[in-house]
Amino acid sequence: MPMHSIRDRTATALIIMLDVAFHSIAGRPVSTIDIADRSGLARRGIEPIVQSLARSGLLQGVRGPHGGYRLGHPAGEILLADIYRATMHDDAPAEWRRGTLFNTVVRPFLDQVESILTHEYSKVTLHDFVRQAETRGLQRPPASPVSFSI
């Protein structure tokens, strides 16, 4: 698996979460195939991030022929900071993490940047992103009535 930066993983996670929030009408799950198709991202590239989001409780997996993922909480309760935290990993090679320069200079800087990002991400909810998409003219799928056949 290629190493992705925290910024790449966060951007991908934001795309995934926004796609699910935007395209899941009446709680219907959204498939990773559809997310990949709409976003132009490789399915195999988004699956580990989807799994991280599901483990964190931000997404809920639905099994079955019409399965996929839906939000684990209402969009108005999910902060971008929650999504950011779910995607964070320390990608620095082990030898860097042990180095004096890394621990004395680089790690404190990264911690400071992380604090700033978390603060900014805490100001915006996933619902705010959905509203921005709608305001900018994107059309959500229509809510079709649920039909049962026996």
N, C-alpha and C. Protein backbone atom coordinates (compact mmCIF):
# COMPACT_ATOMS: atom_id res chain seq x y z
N MET A 1 0.85 -1.18 0.00
CA MET A 1 0.00 0.00 0.00
C MET A 1 0.89 1.24 0.00
N PRO A 2 0.62 2.19 -0.90
CA PRO A 2 1.44 3.38 -0.93
C PRO A 2 1.22 4.24 0.30
N MET A 3 2.27 4.95 0.69
CA MET A 3 2.17 5.82 1.85
C MET A 3 1.51 7.12 1.41
N HIS A 4 0.47 7.52 2.10
CA HIS A 4 -0.23 8.76 1.79
C HIS A 4 -0.01 9.72 2.94
N SER A 5 0.07 10.99 2.61
CA SER A 5 0.25 11.98 3.65
C SER A 5 -1.06 12.12 4.44
N ILE A 6 -0.95 12.68 5.61
CA ILE A 6 -2.13 12.94 6.43
C ILE A 6 -3.09 13.83 5.66
N ARG A 7 -2.56 14.80 4.94
CA ARG A 7 -3.41 15.71 4.17
C ARG A 7 -4.17 14.95 3.09
N ASP A 8 -3.51 14.04 2.37
CA ASP A 8 -4.18 13.24 1.34
C ASP A 8 -5.27 12.38 1.95
N ARG A 9 -4.96 11.71 3.06
CA ARG A 9 -5.95 10.85 3.72
C ARG A 9 -7.13 11.67 4.22
N THR A 10 -6.85 12.83 4.78
CA THR A 10 -7.93 13.68 5.28
C THR A 10 -8.80 14.16 4.14
N ALA A 11 -8.20 14.61 3.05
CA ALA A 11 -8.98 15.07 1.89
C ALA A 11 -9.84 13.93 1.36
N THR A 12 -9.27 12.74 1.26
CA THR A 12 -10.03 11.58 0.78
C THR A 12 -11.16 11.25 1.75
N ALA A 13 -10.90 11.30 3.04
CA ALA A 13 -11.93 11.02 4.04
C ALA A 13 -13.05 12.06 3.97
N LEU A 14 -12.70 13.32 3.75
CA LEU A 14 -13.71 14.37 3.61
C LEU A 14 -14.58 14.11 2.38
N ILE A 15 -13.96 13.69 1.29
CA ILE A 15 -14.71 13.37 0.07
C ILE A 15 -15.67 12.21 0.34
N ILE A 16 -15.17 11.17 0.98
CA ILE A 16 -15.98 9.99 1.27
C ILE A 16 -17.17 10.37 2.15
N MET A 17 -16.90 11.08 3.23
CA MET A 17 -17.96 11.43 4.17
C MET A 17 -18.98 12.37 3.51
N LEU A 18 -18.52 13.33 2.73
CA LEU A 18 -19.44 14.23 2.05
C LEU A 18 -20.27 13.46 1.03
N ASP A 19 -19.64 12.54 0.31
CA ASP A 19 -20.38 11.74 -0.67
C ASP A 19 -21.48 10.93 0.00
N VAL A 20 -21.16 10.30 1.12
CA VAL A 20 -22.17 9.50 1.83
C VAL A 20 -23.29 10.42 2.35
N ALA A 21 -22.92 11.54 2.94
CA ALA A 21 -23.93 12.46 3.48
C ALA A 21 -24.81 13.03 2.36
N PHE A 22 -24.21 13.31 1.22
CA PHE A 22 -24.92 13.95 0.12
C PHE A 22 -25.80 12.97 -0.64
N HIS A 23 -25.32 11.74 -0.83
CA HIS A 23 -26.02 10.78 -1.68
C HIS A 23 -26.86 9.75 -0.92
N SER A 24 -26.74 9.68 0.37
CA SER A 24 -27.55 8.74 1.13
C SER A 24 -28.87 9.41 1.48
N ILE A 25 -29.90 9.04 0.76
CA ILE A 25 -31.22 9.61 0.98
C ILE A 25 -32.03 8.61 1.80
N ALA A 26 -32.68 9.10 2.82
CA ALA A 26 -33.51 8.27 3.70
C ALA A 26 -32.72 7.12 4.31
N GLY A 27 -31.44 7.38 4.60
CA GLY A 27 -30.61 6.38 5.27
C GLY A 27 -30.15 5.23 4.39
N ARG A 28 -30.39 5.31 3.08
CA ARG A 28 -29.93 4.24 2.19
C ARG A 28 -28.41 4.25 2.12
N PRO A 29 -27.80 3.07 2.18
CA PRO A 29 -26.33 3.02 2.13
C PRO A 29 -25.79 3.41 0.77
N VAL A 30 -24.56 3.88 0.77
CA VAL A 30 -23.84 4.28 -0.43
C VAL A 30 -22.68 3.32 -0.59
N SER A 31 -22.52 2.77 -1.78
CA SER A 31 -21.46 1.78 -2.01
C SER A 31 -20.12 2.45 -2.28
N THR A 32 -19.06 1.75 -1.95
CA THR A 32 -17.71 2.27 -2.23
C THR A 32 -17.48 2.36 -3.74
N ILE A 33 -18.13 1.51 -4.51
CA ILE A 33 -18.02 1.59 -5.98
C ILE A 33 -18.57 2.93 -6.46
N ASP A 34 -19.75 3.31 -5.95
CA ASP A 34 -20.35 4.58 -6.35
C ASP A 34 -19.50 5.77 -5.88
N ILE A 35 -18.98 5.68 -4.66
CA ILE A 35 -18.12 6.76 -4.15
C ILE A 35 -16.91 6.91 -5.05
N ALA A 36 -16.27 5.80 -5.38
CA ALA A 36 -15.07 5.82 -6.23
C ALA A 36 -15.41 6.39 -7.61
N ASP A 37 -16.52 5.95 -8.18
CA ASP A 37 -16.92 6.45 -9.51
C ASP A 37 -17.16 7.95 -9.50
N ARG A 38 -17.90 8.43 -8.51
CA ARG A 38 -18.23 9.86 -8.47
C ARG A 38 -17.02 10.72 -8.16
N SER A 39 -16.10 10.21 -7.36
CA SER A 39 -14.96 11.02 -6.92
C SER A 39 -13.75 10.90 -7.83
N GLY A 40 -13.74 9.87 -8.66
CA GLY A 40 -12.57 9.64 -9.51
C GLY A 40 -11.41 9.01 -8.76
N LEU A 41 -11.67 8.52 -7.56
CA LEU A 41 -10.63 7.87 -6.75
C LEU A 41 -10.70 6.36 -6.97
N ALA A 42 -9.56 5.69 -6.82
CA ALA A 42 -9.52 4.24 -6.95
C ALA A 42 -10.21 3.60 -5.75
N ARG A 43 -11.04 2.60 -6.03
CA ARG A 43 -11.76 1.92 -4.94
C ARG A 43 -10.79 1.33 -3.93
N ARG A 44 -9.73 0.70 -4.41
CA ARG A 44 -8.77 0.08 -3.48
C ARG A 44 -8.06 1.14 -2.64
N GLY A 45 -8.01 2.37 -3.14
CA GLY A 45 -7.38 3.45 -2.38
C GLY A 45 -8.28 4.02 -1.30
N ILE A 46 -9.59 3.95 -1.52
CA ILE A 46 -10.49 4.52 -0.52
C ILE A 46 -10.91 3.50 0.53
N GLU A 47 -10.82 2.22 0.22
CA GLU A 47 -11.30 1.21 1.17
C GLU A 47 -10.62 1.27 2.54
N PRO A 48 -9.28 1.42 2.61
CA PRO A 48 -8.69 1.51 3.96
C PRO A 48 -9.18 2.74 4.74
N ILE A 49 -9.45 3.81 4.04
CA ILE A 49 -9.94 5.02 4.71
C ILE A 49 -11.38 4.83 5.16
N VAL A 50 -12.18 4.18 4.31
CA VAL A 50 -13.56 3.86 4.68
C VAL A 50 -13.56 2.99 5.94
N GLN A 51 -12.66 2.02 5.99
CA GLN A 51 -12.57 1.15 7.16
C GLN A 51 -12.19 1.95 8.41
N SER A 52 -11.26 2.87 8.29
CA SER A 52 -10.90 3.73 9.43
C SER A 52 -12.09 4.55 9.90
N LEU A 53 -12.84 5.08 8.94
CA LEU A 53 -14.03 5.87 9.30
C LEU A 53 -15.09 5.00 9.96
N ALA A 54 -15.22 3.77 9.50
CA ALA A 54 -16.19 2.85 10.11
C ALA A 54 -15.73 2.44 11.52
N ARG A 55 -14.44 2.15 11.69
CA ARG A 55 -13.94 1.79 13.02
C ARG A 55 -14.14 2.93 14.01
N SER A 56 -14.06 4.16 13.53
CA SER A 56 -14.22 5.31 14.42
C SER A 56 -15.70 5.59 14.72
N GLY A 57 -16.62 4.91 14.02
CA GLY A 57 -18.04 5.12 14.23
C GLY A 57 -18.64 6.21 13.36
N LEU A 58 -17.83 6.85 12.53
CA LEU A 58 -18.35 7.91 11.67
C LEU A 58 -19.18 7.35 10.52
N LEU A 59 -18.83 6.15 10.07
CA LEU A 59 -19.61 5.45 9.07
C LEU A 59 -20.11 4.15 9.67
N GLN A 60 -21.22 3.68 9.15
CA GLN A 60 -21.80 2.41 9.59
C GLN A 60 -21.95 1.54 8.34
N GLY A 61 -21.34 0.36 8.38
CA GLY A 61 -21.43 -0.56 7.25
C GLY A 61 -22.76 -1.28 7.24
N VAL A 62 -23.28 -1.50 6.03
CA VAL A 62 -24.52 -2.23 5.83
C VAL A 62 -24.22 -3.37 4.86
N ARG A 63 -24.45 -4.59 5.30
CA ARG A 63 -24.17 -5.75 4.46
C ARG A 63 -25.36 -6.05 3.56
N GLY A 64 -25.08 -6.85 2.54
CA GLY A 64 -26.16 -7.31 1.67
C GLY A 64 -26.00 -6.79 0.26
N PRO A 65 -26.91 -7.23 -0.62
CA PRO A 65 -26.80 -6.87 -2.04
C PRO A 65 -26.92 -5.36 -2.29
N HIS A 66 -27.61 -4.64 -1.44
CA HIS A 66 -27.73 -3.19 -1.58
C HIS A 66 -27.00 -2.50 -0.44
N GLY A 67 -25.93 -3.14 0.02
CA GLY A 67 -25.18 -2.62 1.15
C GLY A 67 -24.25 -1.50 0.76
N GLY A 68 -23.52 -1.06 1.73
CA GLY A 68 -22.58 0.04 1.55
C GLY A 68 -22.36 0.69 2.91
N TYR A 69 -22.34 2.00 2.91
CA TYR A 69 -22.09 2.74 4.14
C TYR A 69 -23.08 3.89 4.26
N ARG A 70 -23.44 4.17 5.49
CA ARG A 70 -24.22 5.35 5.81
C ARG A 70 -23.56 6.02 7.00
N LEU A 71 -23.97 7.24 7.26
CA LEU A 71 -23.37 7.99 8.37
C LEU A 71 -23.66 7.29 9.70
N GLY A 72 -22.68 7.29 10.58
CA GLY A 72 -22.85 6.72 11.90
C GLY A 72 -23.54 7.67 12.86
N HIS A 73 -23.60 8.94 12.51
CA HIS A 73 -24.25 9.99 13.31
C HIS A 73 -24.87 10.99 12.33
N PRO A 74 -25.82 11.79 12.77
CA PRO A 74 -26.34 12.83 11.88
C PRO A 74 -25.23 13.77 11.43
N ALA A 75 -25.33 14.23 10.18
CA ALA A 75 -24.29 15.08 9.60
C ALA A 75 -24.03 16.33 10.43
N GLY A 76 -25.05 16.85 11.08
CA GLY A 76 -24.88 18.04 11.90
C GLY A 76 -24.09 17.80 13.17
N GLU A 77 -23.90 16.54 13.52
CA GLU A 77 -23.13 16.19 14.73
C GLU A 77 -21.70 15.78 14.41
N ILE A 78 -21.37 15.64 13.14
CA ILE A 78 -20.02 15.20 12.75
C ILE A 78 -19.20 16.42 12.38
N LEU A 79 -18.20 16.69 13.18
CA LEU A 79 -17.28 17.79 12.90
C LEU A 79 -16.20 17.30 11.93
N LEU A 80 -15.69 18.21 11.11
CA LEU A 80 -14.57 17.84 10.25
C LEU A 80 -13.39 17.39 11.11
N ALA A 81 -13.30 17.90 12.32
CA ALA A 81 -12.23 17.47 13.24
C ALA A 81 -12.35 15.99 13.56
N ASP A 82 -13.58 15.46 13.65
CA ASP A 82 -13.78 14.03 13.89
C ASP A 82 -13.23 13.22 12.72
N ILE A 83 -13.48 13.70 11.52
CA ILE A 83 -13.00 13.01 10.32
C ILE A 83 -11.48 13.08 10.27
N TYR A 84 -10.94 14.23 10.56
CA TYR A 84 -9.48 14.41 10.58
C TYR A 84 -8.83 13.45 11.57
N ARG A 85 -9.37 13.39 12.78
CA ARG A 85 -8.79 12.51 13.81
C ARG A 85 -8.86 11.04 13.39
N ALA A 86 -9.92 10.66 12.69
CA ALA A 86 -10.08 9.27 12.27
C ALA A 86 -9.06 8.86 11.21
N THR A 87 -8.46 9.83 10.55
CA THR A 87 -7.53 9.52 9.46
C THR A 87 -6.06 9.74 9.82
N MET A 88 -5.80 10.20 11.02
CA MET A 88 -4.41 10.50 11.40
C MET A 88 -3.62 9.24 11.71
N HIS A 89 -2.43 9.20 11.16
CA HIS A 89 -1.47 8.15 11.46
C HIS A 89 -0.10 8.79 11.43
N ASP A 90 0.83 8.24 12.18
CA ASP A 90 2.20 8.74 12.15
C ASP A 90 2.93 8.00 11.05
N ASP A 91 3.13 8.67 9.91
CA ASP A 91 3.79 8.05 8.76
C ASP A 91 5.30 8.18 8.79
N ALA A 92 5.85 8.86 9.77
CA ALA A 92 7.30 9.03 9.80
C ALA A 92 7.97 7.67 10.01
N PRO A 93 8.97 7.36 9.18
CA PRO A 93 9.68 6.09 9.39
C PRO A 93 10.24 6.00 10.81
N ALA A 94 10.36 4.79 11.31
CA ALA A 94 10.79 4.57 12.70
C ALA A 94 12.10 5.27 13.01
N GLU A 95 13.04 5.26 12.05
CA GLU A 95 14.33 5.89 12.34
C GLU A 95 14.19 7.40 12.51
N TRP A 96 13.22 8.03 11.86
CA TRP A 96 13.00 9.45 12.04
C TRP A 96 12.39 9.72 13.39
N ARG A 97 11.47 8.88 13.82
CA ARG A 97 10.80 9.10 15.10
C ARG A 97 11.78 9.01 16.27
N ARG A 98 12.86 8.29 16.08
CA ARG A 98 13.84 8.17 17.16
C ARG A 98 14.88 9.27 17.11
N GLY A 99 14.97 9.96 16.00
CA GLY A 99 16.02 10.95 15.83
C GLY A 99 15.82 12.19 16.68
N THR A 100 16.93 12.75 17.13
CA THR A 100 16.91 13.95 17.94
C THR A 100 16.29 15.12 17.20
N LEU A 101 16.65 15.30 15.92
CA LEU A 101 16.09 16.41 15.16
C LEU A 101 14.58 16.26 15.02
N PHE A 102 14.12 15.05 14.75
CA PHE A 102 12.67 14.84 14.61
C PHE A 102 11.97 15.18 15.91
N ASN A 103 12.46 14.63 17.01
CA ASN A 103 11.79 14.83 18.30
C ASN A 103 11.95 16.24 18.86
N THR A 104 13.01 16.94 18.49
CA THR A 104 13.26 18.27 19.03
C THR A 104 12.64 19.38 18.18
N VAL A 105 12.61 19.19 16.87
CA VAL A 105 12.16 20.26 15.99
C VAL A 105 10.90 19.87 15.20
N VAL A 106 10.96 18.74 14.51
CA VAL A 106 9.88 18.39 13.59
C VAL A 106 8.61 18.00 14.34
N ARG A 107 8.70 17.11 15.31
CA ARG A 107 7.50 16.67 16.03
C ARG A 107 6.78 17.85 16.71
N PRO A 108 7.47 18.76 17.42
CA PRO A 108 6.74 19.90 18.00
C PRO A 108 6.04 20.75 16.94
N PHE A 109 6.68 20.93 15.78
CA PHE A 109 6.06 21.69 14.72
C PHE A 109 4.80 20.98 14.21
N LEU A 110 4.90 19.68 13.96
CA LEU A 110 3.75 18.90 13.50
C LEU A 110 2.62 18.92 14.53
N ASP A 111 2.98 18.84 15.81
CA ASP A 111 1.97 18.91 16.86
C ASP A 111 1.25 20.26 16.85
N GLN A 112 2.01 21.34 16.61
CA GLN A 112 1.42 22.68 16.55
C GLN A 112 0.49 22.81 15.35
N VAL A 113 0.92 22.31 14.20
CA VAL A 113 0.09 22.36 13.00
C VAL A 113 -1.17 21.53 13.21
N GLU A 114 -1.03 20.37 13.82
CA GLU A 114 -2.19 19.51 14.10
C GLU A 114 -3.19 20.23 14.99
N SER A 115 -2.70 20.95 15.97
CA SER A 115 -3.58 21.68 16.87
C SER A 115 -4.35 22.77 16.11
N ILE A 116 -3.67 23.47 15.22
CA ILE A 116 -4.33 24.52 14.42
C ILE A 116 -5.38 23.89 13.51
N LEU A 117 -5.03 22.80 12.84
CA LEU A 117 -5.97 22.12 11.95
C LEU A 117 -7.19 21.63 12.72
N THR A 118 -6.97 20.99 13.84
CA THR A 118 -8.07 20.48 14.64
C THR A 118 -9.00 21.61 15.06
N HIS A 119 -8.42 22.73 15.45
CA HIS A 119 -9.23 23.90 15.83
C HIS A 119 -10.09 24.37 14.66
N GLU A 120 -9.49 24.48 13.48
CA GLU A 120 -10.24 24.94 12.30
C GLU A 120 -11.29 23.92 11.88
N TYR A 121 -10.93 22.64 11.89
CA TYR A 121 -11.88 21.59 11.53
C TYR A 121 -13.04 21.52 12.53
N SER A 122 -12.82 21.95 13.73
CA SER A 122 -13.88 21.91 14.75
C SER A 122 -14.95 22.97 14.54
N LYS A 123 -14.73 23.88 13.62
CA LYS A 123 -15.69 24.95 13.34
C LYS A 123 -16.74 24.54 12.30
N VAL A 124 -16.52 23.41 11.62
CA VAL A 124 -17.37 23.05 10.48
C VAL A 124 -17.90 21.63 10.67
N THR A 125 -19.21 21.46 10.38
CA THR A 125 -19.80 20.12 10.44
C THR A 125 -19.94 19.56 9.03
N LEU A 126 -20.19 18.28 8.96
CA LEU A 126 -20.44 17.64 7.68
C LEU A 126 -21.70 18.22 7.05
N HIS A 127 -22.68 18.55 7.87
CA HIS A 127 -23.91 19.19 7.37
C HIS A 127 -23.59 20.52 6.69
N ASP A 128 -22.65 21.28 7.22
CA ASP A 128 -22.22 22.54 6.59
C ASP A 128 -21.68 22.26 5.19
N PHE A 129 -20.93 21.17 5.04
CA PHE A 129 -20.39 20.79 3.72
C PHE A 129 -21.53 20.43 2.76
N VAL A 130 -22.51 19.68 3.24
CA VAL A 130 -23.65 19.31 2.40
C VAL A 130 -24.37 20.58 1.94
N ARG A 131 -24.59 21.51 2.85
CA ARG A 131 -25.26 22.78 2.48
C ARG A 131 -24.44 23.55 1.46
N GLN A 132 -23.11 23.54 1.60
CA GLN A 132 -22.26 24.22 0.61
C GLN A 132 -22.41 23.59 -0.77
N ALA A 133 -22.47 22.27 -0.81
CA ALA A 133 -22.63 21.57 -2.09
C ALA A 133 -23.96 21.97 -2.73
N GLU A 134 -25.02 22.00 -1.94
CA GLU A 134 -26.34 22.38 -2.45
C GLU A 134 -26.34 23.84 -2.91
N THR A 135 -25.74 24.72 -2.13
CA THR A 135 -25.67 26.14 -2.46
C THR A 135 -24.91 26.37 -3.76
N ARG A 136 -23.94 25.51 -4.02
CA ARG A 136 -23.13 25.65 -5.23
C ARG A 136 -23.73 24.90 -6.42
N GLY A 137 -25.00 24.48 -6.28
CA GLY A 137 -25.74 23.93 -7.40
C GLY A 137 -25.68 22.44 -7.60
N LEU A 138 -25.06 21.71 -6.72
CA LEU A 138 -25.04 20.25 -6.88
C LEU A 138 -26.40 19.69 -6.49
N GLN A 139 -26.86 18.72 -7.25
CA GLN A 139 -28.18 18.13 -7.04
C GLN A 139 -28.06 16.82 -6.28
N ARG A 140 -28.80 16.71 -5.21
CA ARG A 140 -28.87 15.46 -4.46
C ARG A 140 -29.81 14.51 -5.19
N PRO A 141 -29.60 13.20 -5.00
CA PRO A 141 -30.52 12.27 -5.66
C PRO A 141 -31.92 12.42 -5.09
N PRO A 142 -32.93 12.20 -5.92
CA PRO A 142 -34.30 12.34 -5.41
C PRO A 142 -34.63 11.23 -4.42
N ALA A 143 -35.46 11.56 -3.47
CA ALA A 143 -35.92 10.57 -2.49
C ALA A 143 -37.05 9.80 -3.13
N SER A 144 -36.76 8.57 -3.55
CA SER A 144 -37.80 7.77 -4.17
C SER A 144 -38.51 6.98 -3.08
N PRO A 145 -39.80 6.73 -3.28
CA PRO A 145 -40.52 5.98 -2.25
C PRO A 145 -40.01 4.55 -2.16
N VAL A 146 -40.03 4.03 -0.96
CA VAL A 146 -39.60 2.66 -0.74
C VAL A 146 -40.71 1.73 -1.23
N SER A 147 -40.36 0.75 -2.03
CA SER A 147 -41.38 -0.18 -2.51
C SER A 147 -41.02 -1.58 -2.05
N PHE A 148 -42.02 -2.30 -1.66
CA PHE A 148 -41.85 -3.67 -1.22
C PHE A 148 -42.59 -4.58 -2.18
N SER A 149 -41.97 -5.67 -2.53
CA SER A 149 -42.68 -6.67 -3.34
C SER A 149 -42.43 -8.03 -2.74
N ILE A 150 -43.45 -8.81 -2.73
CA ILE A 150 -43.36 -10.14 -2.12
C ILE A 150 -43.60 -11.17 -3.20
